[in-house]
C-alpha atoms as a PDB file:
ATOM      1  CA  PHE A   1     135.114 -12.778 -79.437  1.00  0.00           C
ATOM      2  CA  ILE A   2     134.504 -14.983 -76.302  1.00  0.00           C
ATOM      3  CA  VAL A   3     130.815 -14.315 -76.540  1.00  0.00           C
ATOM      4  CA  ILE A   4     130.669 -15.352 -80.069  1.00  0.00           C
ATOM      5  CA  VAL A   5     132.646 -18.522 -79.585  1.00  0.00           C
ATOM      6  CA  GLY A   6     130.742 -19.255 -76.458  1.00  0.00           C
ATOM      7  CA  ASN A   7     127.402 -19.025 -78.130  1.00  0.00           C
ATOM      8  CA  LEU A   8     128.493 -21.487 -80.773  1.00  0.00           C
ATOM      9  CA  PHE A   9     128.420 -24.104 -78.061  1.00  0.00           C
ATOM     10  CA  LEU A  10     124.975 -23.300 -76.840  1.00  0.00           C
ATOM     11  CA  ILE A  11     121.690 -24.812 -78.037  1.00  0.00           C
ATOM     12  CA  ARG A  12     118.283 -23.368 -77.267  1.00  0.00           C
ATOM     13  CA  THR A  13     115.769 -26.131 -76.817  1.00  0.00           C
ATOM     14  CA  ALA A  14     112.044 -26.421 -76.024  1.00  0.00           C
ATOM     15  CA  GLY A  15     111.162 -24.461 -72.895  1.00  0.00           C
ATOM     16  CA  SER A  16     113.874 -21.829 -73.726  1.00  0.00           C
ATOM     17  CA  ILE A  17     116.463 -23.764 -71.703  1.00  0.00           C
ATOM     18  CA  LYS A  18     120.046 -23.306 -72.819  1.00  0.00           C
ATOM     19  CA  HIS A  19     122.093 -26.399 -73.269  1.00  0.00           C
ATOM     20  CA  THR A  20     125.617 -26.750 -74.389  1.00  0.00           C
ATOM     21  CA  ILE A  21     126.482 -29.067 -77.244  1.00  0.00           C
ATOM     22  CA  PHE A  22     127.724 -31.491 -74.733  1.00  0.00           C
ATOM     23  CA  ASP A  23     124.354 -31.880 -72.910  1.00  0.00           C
ATOM     24  CA  PRO A  24     122.185 -34.878 -73.757  1.00  0.00           C
ATOM     25  CA  VAL A  25     119.352 -33.541 -75.998  1.00  0.00           C
ATOM     26  CA  SER A  26     117.108 -35.412 -78.368  1.00  0.00           C
ATOM     27  CA  MET A  27     114.483 -34.674 -81.073  1.00  0.00           C
ATOM     28  CA  ILE A  28     110.787 -35.215 -80.590  1.00  0.00           C
ATOM     29  CA  ARG A  29     109.754 -37.776 -83.222  1.00  0.00           C
ATOM     30  CA  LYS A  30     105.944 -38.207 -82.579  1.00  0.00           C
ATOM     31  CA  GLY A  31     103.009 -35.881 -82.321  1.00  0.00           C
ATOM     32  CA  PRO A  32     102.609 -32.230 -83.009  1.00  0.00           C
ATOM     33  CA  ALA A  33     106.010 -31.320 -81.615  1.00  0.00           C
ATOM     34  CA  THR A  34     107.859 -33.559 -84.139  1.00  0.00           C
ATOM     35  CA  GLY A  35     111.277 -32.099 -84.968  1.00  0.00           C
ATOM     36  CA  ILE A  36     111.687 -29.936 -81.855  1.00  0.00           C
ATOM     37  CA  ILE A  37     114.938 -30.495 -79.933  1.00  0.00           C
ATOM     38  CA  ALA A  38     114.606 -30.781 -76.258  1.00  0.00           C
ATOM     39  CA  ASP A  39     116.382 -32.261 -73.224  1.00  0.00           C
ATOM     40  CA  ASP A  40     115.915 -36.043 -72.862  1.00  0.00           C
ATOM     41  CA  LYS A  41     113.395 -35.742 -70.055  1.00  0.00           C
ATOM     42  CA  ILE A  42     110.986 -33.566 -72.050  1.00  0.00           C
ATOM     43  CA  VAL A  43     111.355 -35.765 -75.138  1.00  0.00           C
ATOM     44  CA  GLN A  44     110.549 -38.941 -73.067  1.00  0.00           C
ATOM     45  CA  ARG A  45     107.537 -37.223 -71.449  1.00  0.00           C
ATOM     46  CA  ASN A  46     106.183 -36.124 -74.798  1.00  0.00           C
ATOM     47  CA  LYS A  47     106.581 -39.707 -76.198  1.00  0.00           C
ATOM     48  CA  ASP A  48     104.927 -41.357 -73.202  1.00  0.00           C
ATOM     49  CA  ASP A  49     102.059 -38.786 -73.125  1.00  0.00           C
ATOM     50  CA  PHE A  50     101.396 -39.002 -76.817  1.00  0.00           C
ATOM     51  CA  GLU A  51     101.496 -42.818 -76.917  1.00  0.00           C
ATOM     52  CA  MET A  52      99.231 -43.213 -73.875  1.00  0.00           C
ATOM     53  CA  MET A  53      96.708 -40.672 -74.948  1.00  0.00           C
ATOM     54  CA  THR A  54      96.443 -41.871 -78.576  1.00  0.00           C
ATOM     55  CA  GLU A  55      96.039 -45.472 -77.508  1.00  0.00           C
ATOM     56  CA  MET A  56      93.641 -44.929 -74.674  1.00  0.00           C
ATOM     57  CA  ILE A  57      91.430 -42.035 -75.816  1.00  0.00           C
ATOM     58  CA  PRO A  58      89.646 -42.666 -79.092  1.00  0.00           C
ATOM     59  CA  LYS A  59      89.837 -40.131 -81.928  1.00  0.00           C
ATOM     60  CA  GLY A  60      86.931 -37.681 -81.874  1.00  0.00           C
ATOM     61  CA  SER A  61      86.507 -37.856 -78.037  1.00  0.00           C
ATOM     62  CA  LYS A  62      85.576 -34.879 -76.002  1.00  0.00           C
ATOM     63  CA  VAL A  63      88.600 -33.979 -73.794  1.00  0.00           C
ATOM     64  CA  LEU A  64      89.305 -31.547 -70.998  1.00  0.00           C
ATOM     65  CA  TYR A  65      92.999 -30.988 -70.171  1.00  0.00           C
ATOM     66  CA  ILE A  66      93.950 -29.676 -66.798  1.00  0.00           C
ATOM     67  CA  GLY A  67      97.561 -28.540 -66.781  1.00  0.00           C
ATOM     68  CA  LYS A  68     100.105 -26.208 -68.354  1.00  0.00           C
ATOM     69  CA  ASP A  69     100.862 -27.903 -71.646  1.00  0.00           C
ATOM     70  CA  SER A  70      97.878 -27.445 -74.013  1.00  0.00           C
ATOM     71  CA  ASP A  71      99.534 -29.213 -76.987  1.00  0.00           C
ATOM     72  CA  VAL A  72      97.873 -32.458 -75.835  1.00  0.00           C
ATOM     73  CA  TYR A  73      94.730 -31.390 -77.711  1.00  0.00           C
ATOM     74  CA  MET A  74      96.668 -31.858 -80.905  1.00  0.00           C
ATOM     75  CA  PHE A  75      97.699 -35.383 -80.096  1.00  0.00           C
ATOM     76  CA  ASN A  76      94.724 -36.726 -81.935  1.00  0.00           C
ATOM     77  CA  ASP A  77      91.524 -35.510 -83.392  1.00  0.00           C
ATOM     78  CA  TYR A  78      90.006 -34.537 -80.034  1.00  0.00           C
ATOM     79  CA  GLU A  79      87.167 -32.219 -79.342  1.00  0.00           C
ATOM     80  CA  VAL A  80      88.291 -29.400 -77.012  1.00  0.00           C
ATOM     81  CA  CYS A  81      85.948 -29.095 -74.030  1.00  0.00           C
ATOM     82  CA  THR A  82      87.234 -25.850 -72.498  1.00  0.00           C
ATOM     83  CA  PRO A  83      86.457 -22.194 -73.226  1.00  0.00           C
ATOM     84  CA  SER A  84      90.129 -21.578 -74.027  1.00  0.00           C
ATOM     85  CA  THR A  85      92.997 -23.653 -75.170  1.00  0.00           C
ATOM     86  CA  ILE A  86      95.353 -21.482 -73.237  1.00  0.00           C
ATOM     87  CA  SER A  87      95.992 -23.635 -70.239  1.00  0.00           C
ATOM     88  CA  THR A  88      96.139 -21.736 -66.899  1.00  0.00           C
ATOM     89  CA  PRO A  89      95.508 -22.796 -63.385  1.00  0.00           C
ATOM     90  CA  THR A  90      92.426 -20.471 -63.403  1.00  0.00           C
ATOM     91  CA  TYR A  91      90.484 -22.638 -65.865  1.00  0.00           C
ATOM     92  CA  ALA A  92      87.966 -23.780 -63.151  1.00  0.00           C
ATOM     93  CA  GLU A  93      86.183 -20.569 -62.460  1.00  0.00           C
ATOM     94  CA  ASN A  94      84.660 -20.180 -65.861  1.00  0.00           C
ATOM     95  CA  LEU A  95      84.514 -23.911 -66.889  1.00  0.00           C
ATOM     96  CA  ASP A  96      81.194 -24.506 -65.014  1.00  0.00           C
ATOM     97  CA  ASP A  97      79.539 -21.543 -66.732  1.00  0.00           C
ATOM     98  CA  TYR A  98      80.927 -22.699 -70.104  1.00  0.00           C
ATOM     99  CA  VAL A  99      79.669 -26.214 -69.767  1.00  0.00           C
ATOM    100  CA  ALA A 100      76.233 -24.991 -68.452  1.00  0.00           C
ATOM    101  CA  ASN A 101      75.915 -22.774 -71.551  1.00  0.00           C
ATOM    102  CA  ASN A 102      77.283 -25.537 -73.871  1.00  0.00           C
ATOM    103  CA  PRO A 103      75.978 -28.925 -72.677  1.00  0.00           C
ATOM    104  CA  ASP A 104      77.484 -30.556 -75.749  1.00  0.00           C
ATOM    105  CA  LYS A 105      80.982 -29.679 -74.350  1.00  0.00           C
ATOM    106  CA  VAL A 106      80.766 -31.996 -71.229  1.00  0.00           C
ATOM    107  CA  PRO A 107      83.981 -33.925 -71.453  1.00  0.00           C
ATOM    108  CA  GLU A 108      84.088 -37.627 -71.810  1.00  0.00           C
ATOM    109  CA  TYR A 109      87.736 -37.717 -70.699  1.00  0.00           C
ATOM    110  CA  ILE A 110      89.786 -35.593 -68.384  1.00  0.00           C
ATOM    111  CA  VAL A 111      93.540 -35.512 -68.654  1.00  0.00           C
ATOM    112  CA  TYR A 112      95.450 -33.808 -65.890  1.00  0.00           C
ATOM    113  CA  GLU A 113      99.107 -33.280 -64.874  1.00  0.00           C
ATOM    114  CA  ASN A 114     100.398 -34.488 -61.518  1.00  0.00           C
ATOM    115  CA  ASP A 115     100.461 -30.935 -60.188  1.00  0.00           C
ATOM    116  CA  TYR A 116      96.675 -30.662 -60.587  1.00  0.00           C
ATOM    117  CA  ILE A 117      95.613 -33.932 -58.950  1.00  0.00           C
ATOM    118  CA  TYR A 118      93.646 -32.276 -56.140  1.00  0.00           C
ATOM    119  CA  THR A 119      92.014 -29.959 -58.576  1.00  0.00           C
ATOM    120  CA  ALA A 120      90.882 -32.775 -60.871  1.00  0.00           C
ATOM    121  CA  THR A 121      89.895 -35.368 -58.283  1.00  0.00           C
ATOM    122  CA  GLY A 122      88.362 -32.810 -55.886  1.00  0.00           C
ATOM    123  CA  LYS A 123      86.192 -31.292 -58.546  1.00  0.00           C
ATOM    124  CA  TYR A 124      85.493 -34.320 -60.750  1.00  0.00           C
ATOM    125  CA  GLY A 125      86.234 -37.370 -58.581  1.00  0.00           C
ATOM    126  CA  ASN A 126      82.688 -38.421 -58.227  1.00  0.00           C
ATOM    127  CA  GLU A 127      81.797 -38.111 -61.986  1.00  0.00           C
ATOM    128  CA  TYR A 128      85.049 -39.526 -63.473  1.00  0.00           C
ATOM    129  CA  THR A 129      87.157 -42.548 -62.711  1.00  0.00           C
ATOM    130  CA  GLU A 130      90.977 -42.675 -63.372  1.00  0.00           C
ATOM    131  CA  PHE A 131      91.876 -45.488 -65.685  1.00  0.00           C
ATOM    132  CA  ALA A 132      95.501 -44.820 -66.847  1.00  0.00           C
ATOM    133  CA  SER A 133      98.515 -42.778 -65.811  1.00  0.00           C
ATOM    134  CA  ASN A 134     102.172 -42.360 -66.336  1.00  0.00           C
ATOM    135  CA  TRP A 135     104.797 -40.403 -64.439  1.00  0.00           C
ATOM    136  CA  TYR A 136     103.352 -37.044 -65.628  1.00  0.00           C
ATOM    137  CA  ILE A 137      99.690 -37.242 -66.634  1.00  0.00           C
ATOM    138  CA  HIS A 138      96.513 -39.112 -65.560  1.00  0.00           C
ATOM    139  CA  LEU A 139      93.485 -40.100 -67.658  1.00  0.00           C
ATOM    140  CA  MET A 140      89.946 -40.070 -66.267  1.00  0.00           C
ATOM    141  CA  LYS A 141      86.772 -41.341 -68.012  1.00  0.00           C
ATOM    142  CA  LYS A 142      83.238 -40.139 -67.285  1.00  0.00           C
ATOM    143  CA  ASN A 143      81.287 -42.638 -65.331  1.00  0.00           C
ATOM    144  CA  GLU A 144      78.342 -44.163 -67.261  1.00  0.00           C
END
């Protein structure tokens, strides 16, 4: 009986985090995750990332995302420039071969999470310039 009553007070949100009905949670209202309930920090991050990317990266652009959350490709009508949309930290090893074999997939923009700043700037720092960022992601544009 206690388990049943206790589970009535739990909410499972994005990221499989358990919250009680008393924890502050919100609903994502923009982008591909619309309608998903998550904690306030995740909702705010999704809103900020969605707004920044859709305002700063034109529809139809070639985008490479470096990070764990591959849903950013669905924020707008972006062309994916990676051999796989499953984001893993091991993307870099096969990316060079992929671009060499598919020169039409050279990204115009690179979006990376804070955790991958050294990977992104170390590998692409000479070819791309950062032009926008928020507290979670950074946007880089290919130098002309």
